[in-house]
C-alpha atoms as a PDB file:
ATOM      1  CA  MET A   1     101.978 116.329 106.725  1.00  0.00           C
ATOM      2  CA  ARG A   2     101.517 117.165 103.036  1.00  0.00           C
ATOM      3  CA  ILE A   3     102.334 114.087 100.973  1.00  0.00           C
ATOM      4  CA  LEU A   4     102.388 113.626  97.202  1.00  0.00           C
ATOM      5  CA  ILE A   5     101.863 110.016  96.089  1.00  0.00           C
ATOM      6  CA  THR A   6     102.754 109.026  92.525  1.00  0.00           C
ATOM      7  CA  GLY A   7     100.952 105.963  91.209  1.00  0.00           C
ATOM      8  CA  SER A   8      98.144 106.701  93.644  1.00  0.00           C
ATOM      9  CA  LYS A   9      95.574 104.603  91.766  1.00  0.00           C
ATOM     10  CA  GLY A  10      97.713 101.462  91.603  1.00  0.00           C
ATOM     11  CA  PHE A  11      97.645  98.305  93.728  1.00  0.00           C
ATOM     12  CA  ILE A  12      99.813  99.757  96.494  1.00  0.00           C
ATOM     13  CA  GLY A  13      99.069 103.448  95.956  1.00  0.00           C
ATOM     14  CA  SER A  14      95.295 103.231  96.324  1.00  0.00           C
ATOM     15  CA  ARG A  15      95.654 101.387  99.624  1.00  0.00           C
ATOM     16  CA  LEU A  16      98.325 103.785 100.854  1.00  0.00           C
ATOM     17  CA  VAL A  17      96.098 106.797 100.123  1.00  0.00           C
ATOM     18  CA  ASN A  18      93.371 105.271 102.314  1.00  0.00           C
ATOM     19  CA  HIS A  19      95.845 104.373 105.067  1.00  0.00           C
ATOM     20  CA  LEU A  20      97.260 107.912 105.208  1.00  0.00           C
ATOM     21  CA  ALA A  21      93.871 109.634 105.371  1.00  0.00           C
ATOM     22  CA  ASN A  22      94.972 111.665 108.415  1.00  0.00           C
ATOM     23  CA  HIS A  23      97.574 113.440 106.225  1.00  0.00           C
ATOM     24  CA  GLU A  24      97.029 115.987 103.465  1.00  0.00           C
ATOM     25  CA  ILE A  25      97.398 113.736 100.412  1.00  0.00           C
ATOM     26  CA  THR A  26      97.871 114.873  96.820  1.00  0.00           C
ATOM     27  CA  GLU A  27      97.366 112.068  94.333  1.00  0.00           C
ATOM     28  CA  LEU A  28      99.431 111.992  91.158  1.00  0.00           C
ATOM     29  CA  ASP A  29      98.266 109.323  88.779  1.00  0.00           C
ATOM     30  CA  LYS A  30      99.156 110.795  85.433  1.00  0.00           C
ATOM     31  CA  ARG A  31     101.975 110.248  83.009  1.00  0.00           C
ATOM     32  CA  LEU A  32     105.269 111.323  84.521  1.00  0.00           C
ATOM     33  CA  GLU A  33     106.419 112.793  81.205  1.00  0.00           C
ATOM     34  CA  ASP A  34     103.587 115.358  81.460  1.00  0.00           C
ATOM     35  CA  ASP A  35     104.047 118.627  83.353  1.00  0.00           C
ATOM     36  CA  ILE A  36     103.961 117.368  86.935  1.00  0.00           C
ATOM     37  CA  GLU A  37     106.020 120.139  88.547  1.00  0.00           C
ATOM     38  CA  PRO A  38     103.018 121.998  90.051  1.00  0.00           C
ATOM     39  CA  TYR A  39     102.214 118.909  92.132  1.00  0.00           C
ATOM     40  CA  PHE A  40     105.531 119.207  94.007  1.00  0.00           C
ATOM     41  CA  LYS A  41     104.990 122.750  95.262  1.00  0.00           C
ATOM     42  CA  ASN A  42     104.165 122.974  98.976  1.00  0.00           C
ATOM     43  CA  GLN A  43     104.687 119.247  99.638  1.00  0.00           C
ATOM     44  CA  ASP A  44     106.638 117.878 102.597  1.00  0.00           C
ATOM     45  CA  MET A  45     107.148 114.407 101.181  1.00  0.00           C
ATOM     46  CA  VAL A  46     106.830 112.415  97.967  1.00  0.00           C
ATOM     47  CA  ILE A  47     106.124 108.681  97.955  1.00  0.00           C
ATOM     48  CA  HIS A  48     107.082 107.464  94.489  1.00  0.00           C
ATOM     49  CA  LEU A  49     105.112 104.350  93.542  1.00  0.00           C
ATOM     50  CA  ALA A  50     104.535 104.940  89.814  1.00  0.00           C
ATOM     51  CA  ALA A  51     106.136 102.167  87.757  1.00  0.00           C
ATOM     52  CA  LYS A  52     105.696  99.980  84.716  1.00  0.00           C
ATOM     53  CA  GLN A  53     106.215  96.262  85.178  1.00  0.00           C
ATOM     54  CA  SER A  54     107.499  93.493  82.943  1.00  0.00           C
ATOM     55  CA  LYS A  55     104.253  93.161  80.977  1.00  0.00           C
ATOM     56  CA  HIS A  56     105.008  96.525  79.291  1.00  0.00           C
ATOM     57  CA  THR A  57     107.504  97.218  76.502  1.00  0.00           C
ATOM     58  CA  SER A  58     111.131  97.952  77.348  1.00  0.00           C
ATOM     59  CA  GLU A  59     110.628 101.529  76.137  1.00  0.00           C
ATOM     60  CA  GLU A  60     107.615 102.094  78.421  1.00  0.00           C
ATOM     61  CA  ILE A  61     109.461 100.555  81.363  1.00  0.00           C
ATOM     62  CA  TYR A  62     112.499 102.787  80.799  1.00  0.00           C
ATOM     63  CA  ARG A  63     110.393 105.922  80.259  1.00  0.00           C
ATOM     64  CA  VAL A  64     108.446 105.542  83.505  1.00  0.00           C
ATOM     65  CA  ASN A  65     110.852 103.715  85.804  1.00  0.00           C
ATOM     66  CA  VAL A  66     114.067 105.528  84.872  1.00  0.00           C
ATOM     67  CA  GLN A  67     113.151 108.858  83.290  1.00  0.00           C
ATOM     68  CA  GLY A  68     110.089 109.269  85.509  1.00  0.00           C
ATOM     69  CA  THR A  69     112.090 108.553  88.661  1.00  0.00           C
ATOM     70  CA  GLU A  70     114.751 111.049  87.575  1.00  0.00           C
ATOM     71  CA  LYS A  71     112.067 113.712  87.189  1.00  0.00           C
ATOM     72  CA  VAL A  72     110.504 112.871  90.562  1.00  0.00           C
ATOM     73  CA  ALA A  73     113.908 112.979  92.308  1.00  0.00           C
ATOM     74  CA  ARG A  74     114.898 116.238  90.609  1.00  0.00           C
ATOM     75  CA  LEU A  75     111.615 117.958  91.510  1.00  0.00           C
ATOM     76  CA  SER A  76     111.731 116.588  95.058  1.00  0.00           C
ATOM     77  CA  LEU A  77     115.182 118.128  95.508  1.00  0.00           C
ATOM     78  CA  LYS A  78     114.112 121.410  93.883  1.00  0.00           C
ATOM     79  CA  TYR A  79     111.117 121.828  96.201  1.00  0.00           C
ATOM     80  CA  GLY A  80     112.731 120.409  99.356  1.00  0.00           C
ATOM     81  CA  CYS A  81     110.508 117.334  99.577  1.00  0.00           C
ATOM     82  CA  LYS A  82     111.668 114.177 101.314  1.00  0.00           C
ATOM     83  CA  LEU A  83     111.412 111.188  98.958  1.00  0.00           C
ATOM     84  CA  ILE A  84     110.436 107.595  99.640  1.00  0.00           C
ATOM     85  CA  ASN A  85     111.285 105.764  96.430  1.00  0.00           C
ATOM     86  CA  ILE A  86     109.649 102.354  96.055  1.00  0.00           C
ATOM     87  CA  SER A  87     111.914 100.061  94.075  1.00  0.00           C
ATOM     88  CA  SER A  88     111.830  96.263  93.832  1.00  0.00           C
ATOM     89  CA  ILE A  89     113.917  93.290  94.833  1.00  0.00           C
ATOM     90  CA  CYS A  90     113.732  92.471  91.111  1.00  0.00           C
ATOM     91  CA  MET A  91     116.393  95.143  90.577  1.00  0.00           C
ATOM     92  CA  HIS A  92     118.828  92.232  90.930  1.00  0.00           C
ATOM     93  CA  ASP A  93     117.291  90.578  87.813  1.00  0.00           C
ATOM     94  CA  ASP A  94     118.678  91.008  84.324  1.00  0.00           C
ATOM     95  CA  SER A  95     115.292  91.907  82.845  1.00  0.00           C
ATOM     96  CA  PRO A  96     114.176  95.284  81.440  1.00  0.00           C
ATOM     97  CA  TYR A  97     112.161  95.844  84.623  1.00  0.00           C
ATOM     98  CA  GLY A  98     115.021  94.816  86.921  1.00  0.00           C
ATOM     99  CA  ARG A  99     117.569  96.933  85.055  1.00  0.00           C
ATOM    100  CA  SER A 100     115.220  99.933  85.112  1.00  0.00           C
ATOM    101  CA  LYS A 101     114.753  99.661  88.876  1.00  0.00           C
ATOM    102  CA  ALA A 102     118.533  99.392  89.384  1.00  0.00           C
ATOM    103  CA  GLN A 103     119.064 102.505  87.248  1.00  0.00           C
ATOM    104  CA  ALA A 104     116.321 104.357  89.124  1.00  0.00           C
ATOM    105  CA  GLU A 105     117.944 103.530  92.465  1.00  0.00           C
ATOM    106  CA  LYS A 106     121.276 104.915  91.224  1.00  0.00           C
ATOM    107  CA  ILE A 107     119.542 108.118  90.121  1.00  0.00           C
ATOM    108  CA  VAL A 108     117.910 108.592  93.527  1.00  0.00           C
ATOM    109  CA  GLU A 109     121.258 107.959  95.229  1.00  0.00           C
ATOM    110  CA  GLU A 110     122.941 110.552  92.978  1.00  0.00           C
ATOM    111  CA  TYR A 111     120.310 113.133  93.930  1.00  0.00           C
ATOM    112  CA  ALA A 112     120.732 112.167  97.589  1.00  0.00           C
ATOM    113  CA  ASN A 113     124.440 112.965  97.208  1.00  0.00           C
ATOM    114  CA  GLU A 114     123.338 116.430  96.006  1.00  0.00           C
ATOM    115  CA  GLY A 115     121.183 116.957  99.107  1.00  0.00           C
ATOM    116  CA  LEU A 116     117.904 115.126  98.459  1.00  0.00           C
ATOM    117  CA  LYS A 117     116.597 113.531 101.647  1.00  0.00           C
ATOM    118  CA  ALA A 118     115.615 110.097 100.359  1.00  0.00           C
ATOM    119  CA  ILE A 119     115.077 106.467 101.251  1.00  0.00           C
ATOM    120  CA  THR A 120     114.611 103.628  98.781  1.00  0.00           C
ATOM    121  CA  VAL A 121     112.417 100.715  99.826  1.00  0.00           C
ATOM    122  CA  ARG A 122     113.081  97.515  97.890  1.00  0.00           C
ATOM    123  CA  PRO A 123     110.207  95.084  98.577  1.00  0.00           C
ATOM    124  CA  CYS A 124     109.892  91.581  97.231  1.00  0.00           C
ATOM    125  CA  GLY A 125     106.667  90.588  95.458  1.00  0.00           C
ATOM    126  CA  ILE A 126     103.562  92.098  97.009  1.00  0.00           C
ATOM    127  CA  THR A 127     100.243  90.279  97.383  1.00  0.00           C
ATOM    128  CA  ARG A 128      96.978  90.424  99.314  1.00  0.00           C
ATOM    129  CA  ARG A 129      96.612  88.425 102.514  1.00  0.00           C
ATOM    130  CA  LYS A 130      93.806  86.293 101.100  1.00  0.00           C
ATOM    131  CA  TYR A 131      96.246  84.744  98.611  1.00  0.00           C
ATOM    132  CA  LEU A 132      98.887  83.883 101.189  1.00  0.00           C
ATOM    133  CA  PRO A 133      97.970  80.227 101.765  1.00  0.00           C
ATOM    134  CA  TRP A 134      98.834  79.560  98.111  1.00  0.00           C
ATOM    135  CA  LEU A 135     102.123  81.406  98.356  1.00  0.00           C
ATOM    136  CA  ILE A 136     103.696  79.883 101.439  1.00  0.00           C
ATOM    137  CA  ASP A 137     106.891  78.847  99.698  1.00  0.00           C
ATOM    138  CA  ALA A 138     107.110  81.963  97.533  1.00  0.00           C
ATOM    139  CA  ASN A 139     108.960  85.191  98.205  1.00  0.00           C
ATOM    140  CA  TRP A 140     105.894  87.392  98.716  1.00  0.00           C
ATOM    141  CA  TYR A 141     104.954  90.040 101.250  1.00  0.00           C
ATOM    142  CA  PRO A 142     101.461  91.232 102.251  1.00  0.00           C
ATOM    143  CA  VAL A 143     100.551  94.630 100.785  1.00  0.00           C
ATOM    144  CA  GLU A 144      99.046  95.614 104.139  1.00  0.00           C
ATOM    145  CA  ASN A 145     102.424  95.124 105.848  1.00  0.00           C
ATOM    146  CA  LEU A 146     104.213  97.188 103.188  1.00  0.00           C
ATOM    147  CA  ILE A 147     101.719 100.033 103.553  1.00  0.00           C
ATOM    148  CA  HIS A 148     102.147 100.022 107.319  1.00  0.00           C
ATOM    149  CA  TYR A 149     105.929 100.049 106.901  1.00  0.00           C
ATOM    150  CA  ILE A 150     105.846 102.972 104.447  1.00  0.00           C
ATOM    151  CA  ALA A 151     103.629 104.878 106.900  1.00  0.00           C
ATOM    152  CA  THR A 152     106.236 104.428 109.653  1.00  0.00           C
ATOM    153  CA  LEU A 153     108.963 105.778 107.352  1.00  0.00           C
ATOM    154  CA  ILE A 154     107.122 109.093 107.098  1.00  0.00           C
ATOM    155  CA  GLU A 155     108.405 109.881 110.590  1.00  0.00           C
ATOM    156  CA  ASP A 156     112.006 108.934 109.711  1.00  0.00           C
ATOM    157  CA  PRO A 157     114.564 111.762 110.137  1.00  0.00           C
ATOM    158  CA  PHE A 158     115.998 111.056 106.641  1.00  0.00           C
ATOM    159  CA  ASP A 159     119.454 111.839 108.003  1.00  0.00           C
ATOM    160  CA  HIS A 160     121.217 109.695 105.399  1.00  0.00           C
ATOM    161  CA  TYR A 161     120.320 107.891 102.169  1.00  0.00           C
ATOM    162  CA  ARG A 162     119.763 104.179 102.506  1.00  0.00           C
ATOM    163  CA  VAL A 163     118.119 101.235 100.798  1.00  0.00           C
ATOM    164  CA  ILE A 164     115.781  99.086 102.865  1.00  0.00           C
ATOM    165  CA  GLU A 165     115.217  95.612 101.446  1.00  0.00           C
ATOM    166  CA  ILE A 166     112.018  93.856 102.499  1.00  0.00           C
ATOM    167  CA  LYS A 167     112.057  90.108 102.044  1.00  0.00           C
ATOM    168  CA  GLY A 168     109.068  87.832 101.853  1.00  0.00           C
ATOM    169  CA  ARG A 169     107.650  85.591 104.500  1.00  0.00           C
ATOM    170  CA  GLY A 170     107.473  88.618 106.784  1.00  0.00           C
ATOM    171  CA  ASN A 171     105.621  87.539 109.900  1.00  0.00           C
ATOM    172  CA  TRP A 172     103.327  85.018 108.273  1.00  0.00           C
ATOM    173  CA  GLY A 173     105.126  82.566 106.001  1.00  0.00           C
ATOM    174  CA  GLN A 174     107.062  80.299 108.338  1.00  0.00           C
ATOM    175  CA  PRO A 175     104.456  80.055 111.133  1.00  0.00           C
ATOM    176  CA  LEU A 176     101.766  79.238 108.590  1.00  0.00           C
ATOM    177  CA  LYS A 177     104.009  76.714 106.865  1.00  0.00           C
ATOM    178  CA  LYS A 178     104.706  74.976 110.203  1.00  0.00           C
ATOM    179  CA  LYS A 179     100.992  74.840 111.021  1.00  0.00           C
ATOM    180  CA  LEU A 180     100.217  73.287 107.649  1.00  0.00           C
ATOM    181  CA  HIS A 181     102.964  70.689 108.067  1.00  0.00           C
ATOM    182  CA  ARG A 182     101.554  69.751 111.503  1.00  0.00           C
ATOM    183  CA  LEU A 183      98.062  69.510 110.017  1.00  0.00           C
ATOM    184  CA  ILE A 184      99.298  67.274 107.199  1.00  0.00           C
ATOM    185  CA  ARG A 185     101.112  65.005 109.689  1.00  0.00           C
ATOM    186  CA  LYS A 186      97.917  64.735 111.782  1.00  0.00           C
ATOM    187  CA  LEU A 187      95.839  63.913 108.718  1.00  0.00           C
ATOM    188  CA  LYS A 188      98.338  61.246 107.649  1.00  0.00           C
ATOM    189  CA  HIS A 189      98.293  59.828 111.169  1.00  0.00           C
ATOM    190  CA  LEU A 190      94.487  59.712 111.192  1.00  0.00           C
ATOM    191  CA  LYS A 191      94.419  58.097 107.762  1.00  0.00           C
ATOM    192  CA  SER A 192      96.912  55.418 108.827  1.00  0.00           C
ATOM    193  CA  HIS A 193      94.663  54.504 111.793  1.00  0.00           C
ATOM    194  CA  GLU A 194      91.465  54.074 109.798  1.00  0.00           C
END
């Protein structure tokens, strides 16, 4: 399958490019306000990861997350590409980033109503597995799991628009938390018998 990935050099994008090596990948890691239309020609799918986060100015966030997503959705519809739009659970927040992601989701849904075959994935915070022991009580999700999940969506029939929310503590948080609690109880027990 021919897949265009926006934000291909980012934290998620660079890993996704490696994971999808058996597909024909086109990387788009340039400013979305530039002429990006040629990248959409002859693609089967677009995975839209490009985004600006809260550390950027409100104007930068709006330009990339809202206007950039509108451009990606419009070009995906024009060239008949399926679209996997990566949003964020932060779209529920009243921050510039959260508001921009909420607006971007509405834009994708509007284009889906016009015929765009699209899915929005709304993950919680993403981290690397090696940091998980420090994040047991946080709402985080391993980047490896998200990449695997996105890869499975490539085969989706895209028969209707939907939003898929991915919450933290996927398959690791609670079991690890229980193991740590058992370990702490054992250590306390050993200490009390010294």
